[in-house]
Structure formats: structure tokens, C-alpha cells
Amino acid sequence: MLNKHQEGKLYFGVKEDGTVVGQEIGTDTLRTISQAISAYIEPKVYPVIRQVTYFIY
């Protein structure tokens, strides 16, 4: 994914069928995700992580 286009997108809180189910976001969630990505992907990547809020009715 990153090798060909030098970018990729990863979504949390979405089922395989595309249904948005959400995810609990705590004070350290975004930092923890960023650190895990940086620690386990080679060559090193520097992720940009954004929290997106959807309103599900």
C-alpha cells in the first residue's frame, strides 16, 4: 500500500461492509495509534492522524 503510492488510509470504527460503528476515543488514543504505527512499520512512516466525527441517526 505505501510502497506504490507513498500514502495510505486506515480507518478505525468501520465494519468490513462499510458500516460506520464508531470507536471510543480517550485522551491517549490518537497518540497510542501513532506510536504503534511508527514502531511497527518499516521503512519508517510518520502518520498524520485525524479524528473525524460522524453523526449517526
PDB file of N, CA and C in Angstrom:
ATOM      1  N   MET A   1       0.831  -1.179   0.000  1.00  0.00           N
ATOM      2  CA  MET A   1       0.000   0.000   0.000  1.00  0.00           C
ATOM      3  C   MET A   1       0.881   1.249   0.000  1.00  0.00           C
ATOM      4  N   LEU A   2       1.828   1.330   0.904  1.00  0.00           N
ATOM      5  CA  LEU A   2       2.680   2.517   0.973  1.00  0.00           C
ATOM      6  C   LEU A   2       3.777   2.497  -0.083  1.00  0.00           C
ATOM      7  N   ASN A   3       4.224   1.317  -0.492  1.00  0.00           N
ATOM      8  CA  ASN A   3       5.326   1.228  -1.440  1.00  0.00           C
ATOM      9  C   ASN A   3       4.985   1.829  -2.791  1.00  0.00           C
ATOM     10  N   LYS A   4       3.787   1.604  -3.275  1.00  0.00           N
ATOM     11  CA  LYS A   4       3.408   2.034  -4.620  1.00  0.00           C
ATOM     12  C   LYS A   4       3.059   3.517  -4.689  1.00  0.00           C
ATOM     13  N   HIS A   5       2.259   3.993  -3.750  1.00  0.00           N
ATOM     14  CA  HIS A   5       1.747   5.360  -3.826  1.00  0.00           C
ATOM     15  C   HIS A   5       2.313   6.293  -2.757  1.00  0.00           C
ATOM     16  N   GLN A   6       3.142   5.787  -1.861  1.00  0.00           N
ATOM     17  CA  GLN A   6       3.710   6.546  -0.750  1.00  0.00           C
ATOM     18  C   GLN A   6       2.640   7.157   0.152  1.00  0.00           C
ATOM     19  N   GLU A   7       1.472   6.591   0.156  1.00  0.00           N
ATOM     20  CA  GLU A   7       0.427   7.021   1.075  1.00  0.00           C
ATOM     21  C   GLU A   7      -0.595   5.913   1.220  1.00  0.00           C
ATOM     22  N   GLY A   8      -1.361   5.996   2.270  1.00  0.00           N
ATOM     23  CA  GLY A   8      -2.416   5.024   2.509  1.00  0.00           C
ATOM     24  C   GLY A   8      -3.372   5.575   3.539  1.00  0.00           C
ATOM     25  N   LYS A   9      -4.534   4.984   3.612  1.00  0.00           N
ATOM     26  CA  LYS A   9      -5.538   5.401   4.591  1.00  0.00           C
ATOM     27  C   LYS A   9      -5.977   4.188   5.381  1.00  0.00           C
ATOM     28  N   LEU A  10      -6.147   4.393   6.663  1.00  0.00           N
ATOM     29  CA  LEU A  10      -6.576   3.342   7.569  1.00  0.00           C
ATOM     30  C   LEU A  10      -7.707   3.912   8.408  1.00  0.00           C
ATOM     31  N   TYR A  11      -8.831   3.234   8.411  1.00  0.00           N
ATOM     32  CA  TYR A  11      -9.992   3.704   9.155  1.00  0.00           C
ATOM     33  C   TYR A  11     -10.283   2.757  10.315  1.00  0.00           C
ATOM     34  N   PHE A  12     -10.582   3.310  11.468  1.00  0.00           N
ATOM     35  CA  PHE A  12     -10.997   2.547  12.639  1.00  0.00           C
ATOM     36  C   PHE A  12     -12.475   2.814  12.857  1.00  0.00           C
ATOM     37  N   GLY A  13     -13.184   1.843  13.375  1.00  0.00           N
ATOM     38  CA  GLY A  13     -14.597   2.036  13.673  1.00  0.00           C
ATOM     39  C   GLY A  13     -15.487   1.846  12.461  1.00  0.00           C
ATOM     40  N   VAL A  14     -15.002   1.081  11.469  1.00  0.00           N
ATOM     41  CA  VAL A  14     -15.780   0.805  10.263  1.00  0.00           C
ATOM     42  C   VAL A  14     -15.786  -0.704  10.040  1.00  0.00           C
ATOM     43  N   LYS A  15     -16.977  -1.275   9.873  1.00  0.00           N
ATOM     44  CA  LYS A  15     -17.087  -2.706   9.606  1.00  0.00           C
ATOM     45  C   LYS A  15     -16.628  -3.021   8.184  1.00  0.00           C
ATOM     46  N   GLU A  16     -16.397  -4.295   7.909  1.00  0.00           N
ATOM     47  CA  GLU A  16     -15.966  -4.723   6.583  1.00  0.00           C
ATOM     48  C   GLU A  16     -16.966  -4.347   5.493  1.00  0.00           C
ATOM     49  N   ASP A  17     -18.254  -4.275   5.850  1.00  0.00           N
ATOM     50  CA  ASP A  17     -19.266  -3.916   4.845  1.00  0.00           C
ATOM     51  C   ASP A  17     -19.413  -2.409   4.675  1.00  0.00           C
ATOM     52  N   GLY A  18     -18.591  -1.619   5.377  1.00  0.00           N
ATOM     53  CA  GLY A  18     -18.605  -0.168   5.244  1.00  0.00           C
ATOM     54  C   GLY A  18     -19.471   0.549   6.259  1.00  0.00           C
ATOM     55  N   THR A  19     -20.148  -0.195   7.116  1.00  0.00           N
ATOM     56  CA  THR A  19     -20.981   0.411   8.138  1.00  0.00           C
ATOM     57  C   THR A  19     -20.109   1.095   9.190  1.00  0.00           C
ATOM     58  N   VAL A  20     -20.394   2.365   9.456  1.00  0.00           N
ATOM     59  CA  VAL A  20     -19.648   3.104  10.470  1.00  0.00           C
ATOM     60  C   VAL A  20     -20.236   2.772  11.836  1.00  0.00           C
ATOM     61  N   VAL A  21     -19.406   2.212  12.709  1.00  0.00           N
ATOM     62  CA  VAL A  21     -19.859   1.842  14.052  1.00  0.00           C
ATOM     63  C   VAL A  21     -19.215   2.707  15.123  1.00  0.00           C
ATOM     64  N   GLY A  22     -18.175   3.437  14.769  1.00  0.00           N
ATOM     65  CA  GLY A  22     -17.527   4.335  15.702  1.00  0.00           C
ATOM     66  C   GLY A  22     -16.492   3.652  16.571  1.00  0.00           C
ATOM     67  N   GLN A  23     -15.780   4.464  17.323  1.00  0.00           N
ATOM     68  CA  GLN A  23     -14.762   3.973  18.243  1.00  0.00           C
ATOM     69  C   GLN A  23     -14.658   4.960  19.385  1.00  0.00           C
ATOM     70  N   GLU A  24     -14.509   4.441  20.583  1.00  0.00           N
ATOM     71  CA  GLU A  24     -14.294   5.294  21.749  1.00  0.00           C
ATOM     72  C   GLU A  24     -12.916   5.939  21.632  1.00  0.00           C
ATOM     73  N   ILE A  25     -12.849   7.248  21.808  1.00  0.00           N
ATOM     74  CA  ILE A  25     -11.591   7.980  21.739  1.00  0.00           C
ATOM     75  C   ILE A  25     -11.302   8.565  23.110  1.00  0.00           C
ATOM     76  N   GLY A  26     -10.222   8.089  23.724  1.00  0.00           N
ATOM     77  CA  GLY A  26      -9.806   8.615  25.014  1.00  0.00           C
ATOM     78  C   GLY A  26      -8.713   9.654  24.836  1.00  0.00           C
ATOM     79  N   THR A  27      -8.173  10.123  25.927  1.00  0.00           N
ATOM     80  CA  THR A  27      -7.163  11.180  25.873  1.00  0.00           C
ATOM     81  C   THR A  27      -5.867  10.734  25.210  1.00  0.00           C
ATOM     82  N   ASP A  28      -5.545   9.449  25.267  1.00  0.00           N
ATOM     83  CA  ASP A  28      -4.283   8.954  24.699  1.00  0.00           C
ATOM     84  C   ASP A  28      -4.470   8.128  23.431  1.00  0.00           C
ATOM     85  N   THR A  29      -5.687   7.975  22.938  1.00  0.00           N
ATOM     86  CA  THR A  29      -5.952   7.080  21.817  1.00  0.00           C
ATOM     87  C   THR A  29      -5.153   7.449  20.571  1.00  0.00           C
ATOM     88  N   LEU A  30      -5.209   8.695  20.140  1.00  0.00           N
ATOM     89  CA  LEU A  30      -4.521   9.100  18.913  1.00  0.00           C
ATOM     90  C   LEU A  30      -3.005   8.961  19.047  1.00  0.00           C
ATOM     91  N   ARG A  31      -2.480   9.295  20.208  1.00  0.00           N
ATOM     92  CA  ARG A  31      -1.036   9.143  20.441  1.00  0.00           C
ATOM     93  C   ARG A  31      -0.638   7.673  20.417  1.00  0.00           C
ATOM     94  N   THR A  32      -1.433   6.818  21.036  1.00  0.00           N
ATOM     95  CA  THR A  32      -1.131   5.388  21.072  1.00  0.00           C
ATOM     96  C   THR A  32      -1.135   4.795  19.666  1.00  0.00           C
ATOM     97  N   ILE A  33      -2.112   5.169  18.856  1.00  0.00           N
ATOM     98  CA  ILE A  33      -2.176   4.680  17.475  1.00  0.00           C
ATOM     99  C   ILE A  33      -0.960   5.162  16.686  1.00  0.00           C
ATOM    100  N   SER A  34      -0.616   6.428  16.811  1.00  0.00           N
ATOM    101  CA  SER A  34       0.533   6.986  16.105  1.00  0.00           C
ATOM    102  C   SER A  34       1.829   6.279  16.488  1.00  0.00           C
ATOM    103  N   GLN A  35       2.021   6.041  17.773  1.00  0.00           N
ATOM    104  CA  GLN A  35       3.234   5.367  18.242  1.00  0.00           C
ATOM    105  C   GLN A  35       3.305   3.932  17.747  1.00  0.00           C
ATOM    106  N   ALA A  36       2.173   3.240  17.721  1.00  0.00           N
ATOM    107  CA  ALA A  36       2.158   1.852  17.242  1.00  0.00           C
ATOM    108  C   ALA A  36       2.493   1.792  15.755  1.00  0.00           C
ATOM    109  N   ILE A  37       1.936   2.699  14.976  1.00  0.00           N
ATOM    110  CA  ILE A  37       2.236   2.731  13.539  1.00  0.00           C
ATOM    111  C   ILE A  37       3.716   3.007  13.325  1.00  0.00           C
ATOM    112  N   SER A  38       4.236   3.995  14.014  1.00  0.00           N
ATOM    113  CA  SER A  38       5.649   4.356  13.862  1.00  0.00           C
ATOM    114  C   SER A  38       6.581   3.233  14.299  1.00  0.00           C
ATOM    115  N   ALA A  39       6.204   2.487  15.324  1.00  0.00           N
ATOM    116  CA  ALA A  39       7.068   1.434  15.864  1.00  0.00           C
ATOM    117  C   ALA A  39       7.101   0.174  15.009  1.00  0.00           C
ATOM    118  N   TYR A  40       6.016  -0.136  14.297  1.00  0.00           N
ATOM    119  CA  TYR A  40       5.916  -1.441  13.656  1.00  0.00           C
ATOM    120  C   TYR A  40       5.924  -1.427  12.132  1.00  0.00           C
ATOM    121  N   ILE A  41       6.016  -0.277  11.506  1.00  0.00           N
ATOM    122  CA  ILE A  41       6.047  -0.239  10.039  1.00  0.00           C
ATOM    123  C   ILE A  41       7.445   0.143   9.592  1.00  0.00           C
ATOM    124  N   GLU A  42       8.002  -0.662   8.686  1.00  0.00           N
ATOM    125  CA  GLU A  42       9.316  -0.397   8.104  1.00  0.00           C
ATOM    126  C   GLU A  42       9.171  -0.332   6.595  1.00  0.00           C
ATOM    127  N   PRO A  43       9.805   0.592   5.916  1.00  0.00           N
ATOM    128  CA  PRO A  43      10.587   1.674   6.476  1.00  0.00           C
ATOM    129  C   PRO A  43       9.696   2.628   7.262  1.00  0.00           C
ATOM    130  N   LYS A  44      10.320   3.434   8.091  1.00  0.00           N
ATOM    131  CA  LYS A  44       9.594   4.327   8.990  1.00  0.00           C
ATOM    132  C   LYS A  44       8.631   5.233   8.231  1.00  0.00           C
ATOM    133  N   VAL A  45       7.471   5.415   8.819  1.00  0.00           N
ATOM    134  CA  VAL A  45       6.486   6.359   8.306  1.00  0.00           C
ATOM    135  C   VAL A  45       6.133   7.320   9.432  1.00  0.00           C
ATOM    136  N   TYR A  46       5.668   8.468   9.061  1.00  0.00           N
ATOM    137  CA  TYR A  46       5.273   9.482  10.036  1.00  0.00           C
ATOM    138  C   TYR A  46       3.812   9.810   9.771  1.00  0.00           C
ATOM    139  N   PRO A  47       2.923   9.127  10.488  1.00  0.00           N
ATOM    140  CA  PRO A  47       1.492   9.238  10.182  1.00  0.00           C
ATOM    141  C   PRO A  47       0.893  10.583  10.570  1.00  0.00           C
ATOM    142  N   VAL A  48      -0.082  10.962   9.782  1.00  0.00           N
ATOM    143  CA  VAL A  48      -0.938  12.100  10.114  1.00  0.00           C
ATOM    144  C   VAL A  48      -2.271  11.490  10.517  1.00  0.00           C
ATOM    145  N   ILE A  49      -2.668  11.712  11.749  1.00  0.00           N
ATOM    146  CA  ILE A  49      -3.885  11.076  12.261  1.00  0.00           C
ATOM    147  C   ILE A  49      -4.904  12.159  12.563  1.00  0.00           C
ATOM    148  N   ARG A  50      -6.106  11.936  12.051  1.00  0.00           N
ATOM    149  CA  ARG A  50      -7.189  12.889  12.280  1.00  0.00           C
ATOM    150  C   ARG A  50      -8.381  12.169  12.888  1.00  0.00           C
ATOM    151  N   GLN A  51      -9.008  12.833  13.809  1.00  0.00           N
ATOM    152  CA  GLN A  51     -10.245  12.321  14.393  1.00  0.00           C
ATOM    153  C   GLN A  51     -11.402  12.927  13.600  1.00  0.00           C
ATOM    154  N   VAL A  52     -12.277  12.063  13.091  1.00  0.00           N
ATOM    155  CA  VAL A  52     -13.424  12.501  12.303  1.00  0.00           C
ATOM    156  C   VAL A  52     -14.686  12.166  13.095  1.00  0.00           C
ATOM    157  N   THR A  53     -15.568  13.113  13.211  1.00  0.00           N
ATOM    158  CA  THR A  53     -16.804  12.906  13.949  1.00  0.00           C
ATOM    159  C   THR A  53     -17.960  12.778  12.968  1.00  0.00           C
ATOM    160  N   TYR A  54     -18.675  11.670  13.067  1.00  0.00           N
ATOM    161  CA  TYR A  54     -19.868  11.445  12.260  1.00  0.00           C
ATOM    162  C   TYR A  54     -21.069  11.388  13.186  1.00  0.00           C
ATOM    163  N   PHE A  55     -22.162  11.883  12.711  1.00  0.00           N
ATOM    164  CA  PHE A  55     -23.399  11.786  13.484  1.00  0.00           C
ATOM    165  C   PHE A  55     -24.242  10.697  12.849  1.00  0.00           C
ATOM    166  N   ILE A  56     -24.498   9.645  13.610  1.00  0.00           N
ATOM    167  CA  ILE A  56     -25.289   8.516  13.136  1.00  0.00           C
ATOM    168  C   ILE A  56     -26.673   8.643  13.754  1.00  0.00           C
ATOM    169  N   TYR A  57     -27.660   8.673  12.914  1.00  0.00           N
ATOM    170  CA  TYR A  57     -29.045   8.812  13.394  1.00  0.00           C
ATOM    171  C   TYR A  57     -29.746   7.493  13.402  1.00  0.00           C
TER     172      TYR A  57
END
